[in-house]
PDB file of N, CA and C in Angstrom:
ATOM      1  N   MET A   1     -15.670  57.861 -96.837  1.00  0.00           N
ATOM      2  CA  MET A   1     -15.189  56.731 -97.582  1.00  0.00           C
ATOM      3  C   MET A   1     -13.657  56.729 -97.623  1.00  0.00           C
ATOM      4  N   ILE A   2     -13.061  57.856 -98.019  1.00  0.00           N
ATOM      5  CA  ILE A   2     -11.595  57.960 -98.022  1.00  0.00           C
ATOM      6  C   ILE A   2     -11.078  57.832 -96.602  1.00  0.00           C
ATOM      7  N   ARG A   3     -11.778  58.474 -95.671  1.00  0.00           N
ATOM      8  CA  ARG A   3     -11.362  58.431 -94.271  1.00  0.00           C
ATOM      9  C   ARG A   3     -11.324  56.990 -93.760  1.00  0.00           C
ATOM     10  N   ASP A   4     -12.334  56.190 -94.096  1.00  0.00           N
ATOM     11  CA  ASP A   4     -12.367  54.787 -93.665  1.00  0.00           C
ATOM     12  C   ASP A   4     -11.192  54.002 -94.233  1.00  0.00           C
ATOM     13  N   ALA A   5     -10.891  54.237 -95.506  1.00  0.00           N
ATOM     14  CA  ALA A   5      -9.763  53.544 -96.144  1.00  0.00           C
ATOM     15  C   ALA A   5      -8.453  53.954 -95.494  1.00  0.00           C
ATOM     16  N   ILE A   6      -8.338  55.227 -95.148  1.00  0.00           N
ATOM     17  CA  ILE A   6      -7.114  55.723 -94.510  1.00  0.00           C
ATOM     18  C   ILE A   6      -6.979  55.131 -93.111  1.00  0.00           C
ATOM     19  N   LEU A   7      -8.075  55.112 -92.367  1.00  0.00           N
ATOM     20  CA  LEU A   7      -8.026  54.538 -91.022  1.00  0.00           C
ATOM     21  C   LEU A   7      -7.662  53.061 -91.069  1.00  0.00           C
ATOM     22  N   GLU A   8      -8.207  52.350 -92.039  1.00  0.00           N
ATOM     23  CA  GLU A   8      -7.881  50.932 -92.189  1.00  0.00           C
ATOM     24  C   GLU A   8      -6.406  50.751 -92.519  1.00  0.00           C
ATOM     25  N   SER A   9      -5.880  51.566 -93.421  1.00  0.00           N
ATOM     26  CA  SER A   9      -4.475  51.430 -93.806  1.00  0.00           C
ATOM     27  C   SER A   9      -3.545  51.864 -92.685  1.00  0.00           C
ATOM     28  N   THR A  10      -3.985  52.777 -91.828  1.00  0.00           N
ATOM     29  CA  THR A  10      -3.163  53.252 -90.715  1.00  0.00           C
ATOM     30  C   THR A  10      -2.784  52.099 -89.796  1.00  0.00           C
ATOM     31  N   HIS A  11      -3.701  51.186 -89.573  1.00  0.00           N
ATOM     32  CA  HIS A  11      -3.436  50.058 -88.681  1.00  0.00           C
ATOM     33  C   HIS A  11      -2.418  49.094 -89.282  1.00  0.00           C
ATOM     34  N   GLN A  12      -2.247  49.140 -90.585  1.00  0.00           N
ATOM     35  CA  GLN A  12      -1.343  48.220 -91.263  1.00  0.00           C
ATOM     36  C   GLN A  12       0.035  48.831 -91.523  1.00  0.00           C
ATOM     37  N   VAL A  13       0.231  50.092 -91.193  1.00  0.00           N
ATOM     38  CA  VAL A  13       1.475  50.793 -91.484  1.00  0.00           C
ATOM     39  C   VAL A  13       2.498  50.520 -90.391  1.00  0.00           C
ATOM     40  N   THR A  14       3.707  50.153 -90.801  1.00  0.00           N
ATOM     41  CA  THR A  14       4.767  49.865 -89.834  1.00  0.00           C
ATOM     42  C   THR A  14       5.349  51.153 -89.266  1.00  0.00           C
ATOM     43  N   HIS A  15       6.079  50.997 -88.190  1.00  0.00           N
ATOM     44  CA  HIS A  15       6.740  52.141 -87.557  1.00  0.00           C
ATOM     45  C   HIS A  15       7.701  52.821 -88.536  1.00  0.00           C
ATOM     46  N   GLN A  16       8.454  52.036 -89.305  1.00  0.00           N
ATOM     47  CA  GLN A  16       9.409  52.598 -90.259  1.00  0.00           C
ATOM     48  C   GLN A  16       8.700  53.413 -91.338  1.00  0.00           C
ATOM     49  N   VAL A  17       7.566  52.917 -91.811  1.00  0.00           N
ATOM     50  CA  VAL A  17       6.810  53.646 -92.832  1.00  0.00           C
ATOM     51  C   VAL A  17       6.278  54.948 -92.241  1.00  0.00           C
ATOM     52  N   LYS A  18       5.805  54.914 -91.010  1.00  0.00           N
ATOM     53  CA  LYS A  18       5.320  56.139 -90.359  1.00  0.00           C
ATOM     54  C   LYS A  18       6.443  57.166 -90.250  1.00  0.00           C
ATOM     55  N   GLN A  19       7.645  56.709 -89.916  1.00  0.00           N
ATOM     56  CA  GLN A  19       8.783  57.627 -89.838  1.00  0.00           C
ATOM     57  C   GLN A  19       9.065  58.250 -91.199  1.00  0.00           C
ATOM     58  N   LEU A  20       8.989  57.457 -92.248  1.00  0.00           N
ATOM     59  CA  LEU A  20       9.200  57.957 -93.600  1.00  0.00           C
ATOM     60  C   LEU A  20       8.158  59.011 -93.947  1.00  0.00           C
ATOM     61  N   ILE A  21       6.901  58.733 -93.657  1.00  0.00           N
ATOM     62  CA  ILE A  21       5.813  59.670 -93.948  1.00  0.00           C
ATOM     63  C   ILE A  21       6.047  60.989 -93.214  1.00  0.00           C
ATOM     64  N   MET A  22       6.441  60.915 -91.966  1.00  0.00           N
ATOM     65  CA  MET A  22       6.659  62.129 -91.175  1.00  0.00           C
ATOM     66  C   MET A  22       7.873  62.920 -91.665  1.00  0.00           C
ATOM     67  N   ALA A  23       8.875  62.245 -92.192  1.00  0.00           N
ATOM     68  CA  ALA A  23      10.101  62.914 -92.648  1.00  0.00           C
ATOM     69  C   ALA A  23       9.959  63.527 -94.038  1.00  0.00           C
ATOM     70  N   LEU A  24       9.044  63.018 -94.832  1.00  0.00           N
ATOM     71  CA  LEU A  24       8.927  63.434 -96.229  1.00  0.00           C
ATOM     72  C   LEU A  24       8.268  64.805 -96.334  1.00  0.00           C
ATOM     73  N   GLU A  25       9.015  65.762 -96.876  1.00  0.00           N
ATOM     74  CA  GLU A  25       8.537  67.132 -97.087  1.00  0.00           C
ATOM     75  C   GLU A  25       8.681  67.472 -98.554  1.00  0.00           C
ATOM     76  N   GLY A  26       7.578  67.755 -99.223  1.00  0.00           N
ATOM     77  CA  GLY A  26       7.644  68.071-100.650  1.00  0.00           C
ATOM     78  C   GLY A  26       8.160  66.873-101.419  1.00  0.00           C
ATOM     79  N   GLU A  27       9.096  67.125-102.319  1.00  0.00           N
ATOM     80  CA  GLU A  27       9.761  66.041-103.050  1.00  0.00           C
ATOM     81  C   GLU A  27      11.179  65.902-102.519  1.00  0.00           C
ATOM     82  N   MET A  28      11.573  64.681-102.220  1.00  0.00           N
ATOM     83  CA  MET A  28      12.912  64.426-101.697  1.00  0.00           C
ATOM     84  C   MET A  28      13.518  63.240-102.436  1.00  0.00           C
ATOM     85  N   ASN A  29      14.848  63.284-102.620  1.00  0.00           N
ATOM     86  CA  ASN A  29      15.520  62.145-103.250  1.00  0.00           C
ATOM     87  C   ASN A  29      15.900  61.116-102.175  1.00  0.00           C
ATOM     88  N   ARG A  30      16.422  59.993-102.611  1.00  0.00           N
ATOM     89  CA  ARG A  30      16.764  58.908-101.689  1.00  0.00           C
ATOM     90  C   ARG A  30      17.763  59.352-100.629  1.00  0.00           C
ATOM     91  N   GLU A  31      18.799  60.065-101.056  1.00  0.00           N
ATOM     92  CA  GLU A  31      19.830  60.488-100.109  1.00  0.00           C
ATOM     93  C   GLU A  31      19.253  61.405 -99.035  1.00  0.00           C
ATOM     94  N   GLN A  32      18.389  62.330 -99.437  1.00  0.00           N
ATOM     95  CA  GLN A  32      17.769  63.245 -98.476  1.00  0.00           C
ATOM     96  C   GLN A  32      16.905  62.486 -97.472  1.00  0.00           C
ATOM     97  N   LEU A  33      16.146  61.525 -97.973  1.00  0.00           N
ATOM     98  CA  LEU A  33      15.291  60.738 -97.078  1.00  0.00           C
ATOM     99  C   LEU A  33      16.116  59.861 -96.145  1.00  0.00           C
ATOM    100  N   GLN A  34      17.163  59.241 -96.668  1.00  0.00           N
ATOM    101  CA  GLN A  34      18.029  58.418 -95.816  1.00  0.00           C
ATOM    102  C   GLN A  34      18.630  59.261 -94.701  1.00  0.00           C
ATOM    103  N   LEU A  35      19.088  60.454 -95.029  1.00  0.00           N
ATOM    104  CA  LEU A  35      19.662  61.349 -94.028  1.00  0.00           C
ATOM    105  C   LEU A  35      18.607  61.732 -92.984  1.00  0.00           C
ATOM    106  N   ALA A  36      17.416  62.090 -93.446  1.00  0.00           N
ATOM    107  CA  ALA A  36      16.340  62.482 -92.535  1.00  0.00           C
ATOM    108  C   ALA A  36      15.938  61.342 -91.601  1.00  0.00           C
ATOM    109  N   LEU A  37      16.044  60.113 -92.088  1.00  0.00           N
ATOM    110  CA  LEU A  37      15.661  58.942 -91.298  1.00  0.00           C
ATOM    111  C   LEU A  37      16.823  58.333 -90.519  1.00  0.00           C
ATOM    112  N   GLY A  38      18.033  58.828 -90.754  1.00  0.00           N
ATOM    113  CA  GLY A  38      19.207  58.287 -90.080  1.00  0.00           C
ATOM    114  C   GLY A  38      19.594  56.905 -90.578  1.00  0.00           C
ATOM    115  N   LEU A  39      19.309  56.624 -91.845  1.00  0.00           N
ATOM    116  CA  LEU A  39      19.632  55.323 -92.434  1.00  0.00           C
ATOM    117  C   LEU A  39      20.931  55.418 -93.210  1.00  0.00           C
ATOM    118  N   LYS A  40      21.796  54.424 -93.029  1.00  0.00           N
ATOM    119  CA  LYS A  40      23.117  54.485 -93.649  1.00  0.00           C
ATOM    120  C   LYS A  40      23.217  53.748 -94.974  1.00  0.00           C
ATOM    121  N   ASP A  41      22.325  52.816 -95.237  1.00  0.00           N
ATOM    122  CA  ASP A  41      22.449  52.069 -96.493  1.00  0.00           C
ATOM    123  C   ASP A  41      21.112  51.946 -97.217  1.00  0.00           C
ATOM    124  N   ARG A  42      21.209  51.618 -98.493  1.00  0.00           N
ATOM    125  CA  ARG A  42      20.022  51.529 -99.346  1.00  0.00           C
ATOM    126  C   ARG A  42      19.075  50.413 -98.932  1.00  0.00           C
ATOM    127  N   SER A  43      19.617  49.311 -98.448  1.00  0.00           N
ATOM    128  CA  SER A  43      18.736  48.193 -98.090  1.00  0.00           C
ATOM    129  C   SER A  43      17.807  48.575 -96.936  1.00  0.00           C
ATOM    130  N   SER A  44      18.308  49.335 -95.985  1.00  0.00           N
ATOM    131  CA  SER A  44      17.453  49.813 -94.891  1.00  0.00           C
ATOM    132  C   SER A  44      16.391  50.763 -95.426  1.00  0.00           C
ATOM    133  N   PHE A  45      16.781  51.598 -96.371  1.00  0.00           N
ATOM    134  CA  PHE A  45      15.831  52.529 -96.978  1.00  0.00           C
ATOM    135  C   PHE A  45      14.729  51.769 -97.712  1.00  0.00           C
ATOM    136  N   ARG A  46      15.098  50.711 -98.417  1.00  0.00           N
ATOM    137  CA  ARG A  46      14.105  49.910 -99.157  1.00  0.00           C
ATOM    138  C   ARG A  46      13.041  49.335 -98.222  1.00  0.00           C
ATOM    139  N   LEU A  47      13.444  48.967 -97.014  1.00  0.00           N
ATOM    140  CA  LEU A  47      12.487  48.425 -96.048  1.00  0.00           C
ATOM    141  C   LEU A  47      11.435  49.452 -95.661  1.00  0.00           C
ATOM    142  N   CYS A  48      11.770  50.727 -95.791  1.00  0.00           N
ATOM    143  CA  CYS A  48      10.816  51.796 -95.491  1.00  0.00           C
ATOM    144  C   CYS A  48      10.008  52.200 -96.712  1.00  0.00           C
ATOM    145  N   TYR A  49      10.705  52.426 -97.824  1.00  0.00           N
ATOM    146  CA  TYR A  49      10.003  53.048 -98.939  1.00  0.00           C
ATOM    147  C   TYR A  49       9.174  52.080 -99.766  1.00  0.00           C
ATOM    148  N   LEU A  50       9.598  50.832 -99.908  1.00  0.00           N
ATOM    149  CA  LEU A  50       8.802  49.892-100.715  1.00  0.00           C
ATOM    150  C   LEU A  50       7.412  49.637-100.120  1.00  0.00           C
ATOM    151  N   PRO A  51       7.295  49.371 -98.814  1.00  0.00           N
ATOM    152  CA  PRO A  51       5.942  49.207 -98.260  1.00  0.00           C
ATOM    153  C   PRO A  51       5.099  50.477 -98.386  1.00  0.00           C
ATOM    154  N   ALA A  52       5.716  51.646 -98.230  1.00  0.00           N
ATOM    155  CA  ALA A  52       4.980  52.911 -98.371  1.00  0.00           C
ATOM    156  C   ALA A  52       4.513  53.103 -99.805  1.00  0.00           C
ATOM    157  N   LEU A  53       5.349  52.733-100.746  1.00  0.00           N
ATOM    158  CA  LEU A  53       5.004  52.827-102.166  1.00  0.00           C
ATOM    159  C   LEU A  53       3.870  51.858-102.502  1.00  0.00           C
ATOM    160  N   GLU A  54       3.983  50.625-102.039  1.00  0.00           N
ATOM    161  CA  GLU A  54       2.960  49.609-102.304  1.00  0.00           C
ATOM    162  C   GLU A  54       1.627  49.951-101.647  1.00  0.00           C
ATOM    163  N   ALA A  55       1.661  50.639-100.507  1.00  0.00           N
ATOM    164  CA  ALA A  55       0.433  51.031 -99.807  1.00  0.00           C
ATOM    165  C   ALA A  55      -0.189  52.288-100.401  1.00  0.00           C
ATOM    166  N   GLY A  56       0.492  52.897-101.370  1.00  0.00           N
ATOM    167  CA  GLY A  56      -0.042  54.105-101.991  1.00  0.00           C
ATOM    168  C   GLY A  56       0.117  55.345-101.136  1.00  0.00           C
ATOM    169  N   LEU A  57       1.075  55.326-100.205  1.00  0.00           N
ATOM    170  CA  LEU A  57       1.310  56.469 -99.327  1.00  0.00           C
ATOM    171  C   LEU A  57       2.299  57.455 -99.923  1.00  0.00           C
ATOM    172  N   ILE A  58       3.211  56.956-100.749  1.00  0.00           N
ATOM    173  CA  ILE A  58       4.157  57.809-101.461  1.00  0.00           C
ATOM    174  C   ILE A  58       4.133  57.427-102.934  1.00  0.00           C
ATOM    175  N   GLU A  59       4.677  58.310-103.754  1.00  0.00           N
ATOM    176  CA  GLU A  59       4.791  58.025-105.180  1.00  0.00           C
ATOM    177  C   GLU A  59       6.123  58.543-105.685  1.00  0.00           C
ATOM    178  N   MET A  60       6.546  58.006-106.816  1.00  0.00           N
ATOM    179  CA  MET A  60       7.793  58.413-107.457  1.00  0.00           C
ATOM    180  C   MET A  60       7.520  59.552-108.431  1.00  0.00           C
ATOM    181  N   SER A  61       8.503  60.424-108.581  1.00  0.00           N
ATOM    182  CA  SER A  61       8.379  61.493-109.570  1.00  0.00           C
ATOM    183  C   SER A  61       8.561  60.955-110.982  1.00  0.00           C
ATOM    184  N   HIS A  62       9.286  59.848-111.125  1.00  0.00           N
ATOM    185  CA  HIS A  62       9.528  59.208-112.424  1.00  0.00           C
ATOM    186  C   HIS A  62       9.223  57.709-112.311  1.00  0.00           C
ATOM    187  N   PRO A  63       7.942  57.340-112.202  1.00  0.00           N
ATOM    188  CA  PRO A  63       7.610  55.922-112.001  1.00  0.00           C
ATOM    189  C   PRO A  63       8.032  55.018-113.155  1.00  0.00           C
ATOM    190  N   GLU A  64       8.173  55.586-114.333  1.00  0.00           N
ATOM    191  CA  GLU A  64       8.591  54.783-115.488  1.00  0.00           C
ATOM    192  C   GLU A  64      10.081  54.446-115.438  1.00  0.00           C
ATOM    193  N   LYS A  65      10.840  55.137-114.575  1.00  0.00           N
ATOM    194  CA  LYS A  65      12.284  54.900-114.430  1.00  0.00           C
ATOM    195  C   LYS A  65      12.635  54.827-112.942  1.00  0.00           C
ATOM    196  N   PRO A  66      12.314  53.721-112.279  1.00  0.00           N
ATOM    197  CA  PRO A  66      12.523  53.615-110.833  1.00  0.00           C
ATOM    198  C   PRO A  66      13.953  53.858-110.358  1.00  0.00           C
ATOM    199  N   SER A  67      14.949  53.561-111.190  1.00  0.00           N
ATOM    200  CA  SER A  67      16.341  53.736-110.754  1.00  0.00           C
ATOM    201  C   SER A  67      16.977  55.008-111.308  1.00  0.00           C
ATOM    202  N   SER A  68      16.160  55.936-111.768  1.00  0.00           N
ATOM    203  CA  SER A  68      16.670  57.195-112.308  1.00  0.00           C
ATOM    204  C   SER A  68      17.419  57.982-111.232  1.00  0.00           C
ATOM    205  N   PRO A  69      18.565  58.572-111.581  1.00  0.00           N
ATOM    206  CA  PRO A  69      19.273  59.414-110.610  1.00  0.00           C
ATOM    207  C   PRO A  69      18.483  60.681-110.268  1.00  0.00           C
ATOM    208  N   LEU A  70      17.491  60.998-111.068  1.00  0.00           N
ATOM    209  CA  LEU A  70      16.647  62.165-110.814  1.00  0.00           C
ATOM    210  C   LEU A  70      15.395  61.813-110.007  1.00  0.00           C
ATOM    211  N   GLN A  71      15.276  60.551-109.582  1.00  0.00           N
ATOM    212  CA  GLN A  71      14.085  60.087-108.872  1.00  0.00           C
ATOM    213  C   GLN A  71      13.876  60.853-107.578  1.00  0.00           C
ATOM    214  N   ARG A  72      12.643  61.265-107.354  1.00  0.00           N
ATOM    215  CA  ARG A  72      12.233  61.928-106.122  1.00  0.00           C
ATOM    216  C   ARG A  72      10.991  61.201-105.616  1.00  0.00           C
ATOM    217  N   TYR A  73      10.725  61.355-104.341  1.00  0.00           N
ATOM    218  CA  TYR A  73       9.556  60.742-103.720  1.00  0.00           C
ATOM    219  C   TYR A  73       8.718  61.843-103.095  1.00  0.00           C
ATOM    220  N   ARG A  74       7.400  61.666-103.145  1.00  0.00           N
ATOM    221  CA  ARG A  74       6.478  62.638-102.555  1.00  0.00           C
ATOM    222  C   ARG A  74       5.283  61.886-101.977  1.00  0.00           C
ATOM    223  N   LEU A  75       4.602  62.532-101.047  1.00  0.00           N
ATOM    224  CA  LEU A  75       3.420  61.936-100.443  1.00  0.00           C
ATOM    225  C   LEU A  75       2.247  61.983-101.410  1.00  0.00           C
ATOM    226  N   THR A  76       1.436  60.956-101.372  1.00  0.00           N
ATOM    227  CA  THR A  76       0.171  60.956-102.103  1.00  0.00           C
ATOM    228  C   THR A  76      -0.875  61.606-101.197  1.00  0.00           C
ATOM    229  N   GLU A  77      -2.082  61.753-101.699  1.00  0.00           N
ATOM    230  CA  GLU A  77      -3.168  62.290-100.870  1.00  0.00           C
ATOM    231  C   GLU A  77      -3.375  61.402 -99.644  1.00  0.00           C
ATOM    232  N   LYS A  78      -3.312  60.108 -99.852  1.00  0.00           N
ATOM    233  CA  LYS A  78      -3.458  59.148 -98.751  1.00  0.00           C
ATOM    234  C   LYS A  78      -2.342  59.334 -97.718  1.00  0.00           C
ATOM    235  N   GLY A  79      -1.112  59.539 -98.195  1.00  0.00           N
ATOM    236  CA  GLY A  79       0.015  59.771 -97.304  1.00  0.00           C
ATOM    237  C   GLY A  79      -0.118  61.074 -96.536  1.00  0.00           C
ATOM    238  N   LEU A  80      -0.614  62.112 -97.208  1.00  0.00           N
ATOM    239  CA  LEU A  80      -0.830  63.403 -96.546  1.00  0.00           C
ATOM    240  C   LEU A  80      -1.864  63.276 -95.431  1.00  0.00           C
ATOM    241  N   HIS A  81      -2.948  62.544 -95.686  1.00  0.00           N
ATOM    242  CA  HIS A  81      -3.972  62.334 -94.656  1.00  0.00           C
ATOM    243  C   HIS A  81      -3.387  61.590 -93.462  1.00  0.00           C
ATOM    244  N   LEU A  82      -2.589  60.589 -93.715  1.00  0.00           N
ATOM    245  CA  LEU A  82      -1.968  59.831 -92.632  1.00  0.00           C
ATOM    246  C   LEU A  82      -1.034  60.729 -91.821  1.00  0.00           C
ATOM    247  N   LYS A  83      -0.282  61.567 -92.497  1.00  0.00           N
ATOM    248  CA  LYS A  83       0.660  62.461 -91.816  1.00  0.00           C
ATOM    249  C   LYS A  83      -0.070  63.460 -90.918  1.00  0.00           C
ATOM    250  N   GLN A  84      -1.245  63.888 -91.342  1.00  0.00           N
ATOM    251  CA  GLN A  84      -2.000  64.897 -90.593  1.00  0.00           C
ATOM    252  C   GLN A  84      -2.742  64.330 -89.391  1.00  0.00           C
ATOM    253  N   GLN A  85      -2.817  63.014 -89.279  1.00  0.00           N
ATOM    254  CA  GLN A  85      -3.542  62.402 -88.147  1.00  0.00           C
ATOM    255  C   GLN A  85      -2.735  62.462 -86.883  1.00  0.00           C
TER     256      GLN A  85
END
């Protein structure tokens, strides 16, 4: 059941989101992820992380404070399964 949902979501994941999933190790902040992805500005980063967040592939460490300077991102179980494929 989970596998079917993951396979279905895999077909809908963009190349940028896949790069984000592959780059994400443990918990990382925005600057670390931007560096890992070779992105120079926040708007480019948003194009990667917002779709991943909406698809349930990543989650925030502080979802109640999205703009917190302490914000970190980590893979969800769904994101981990996608990364392992």
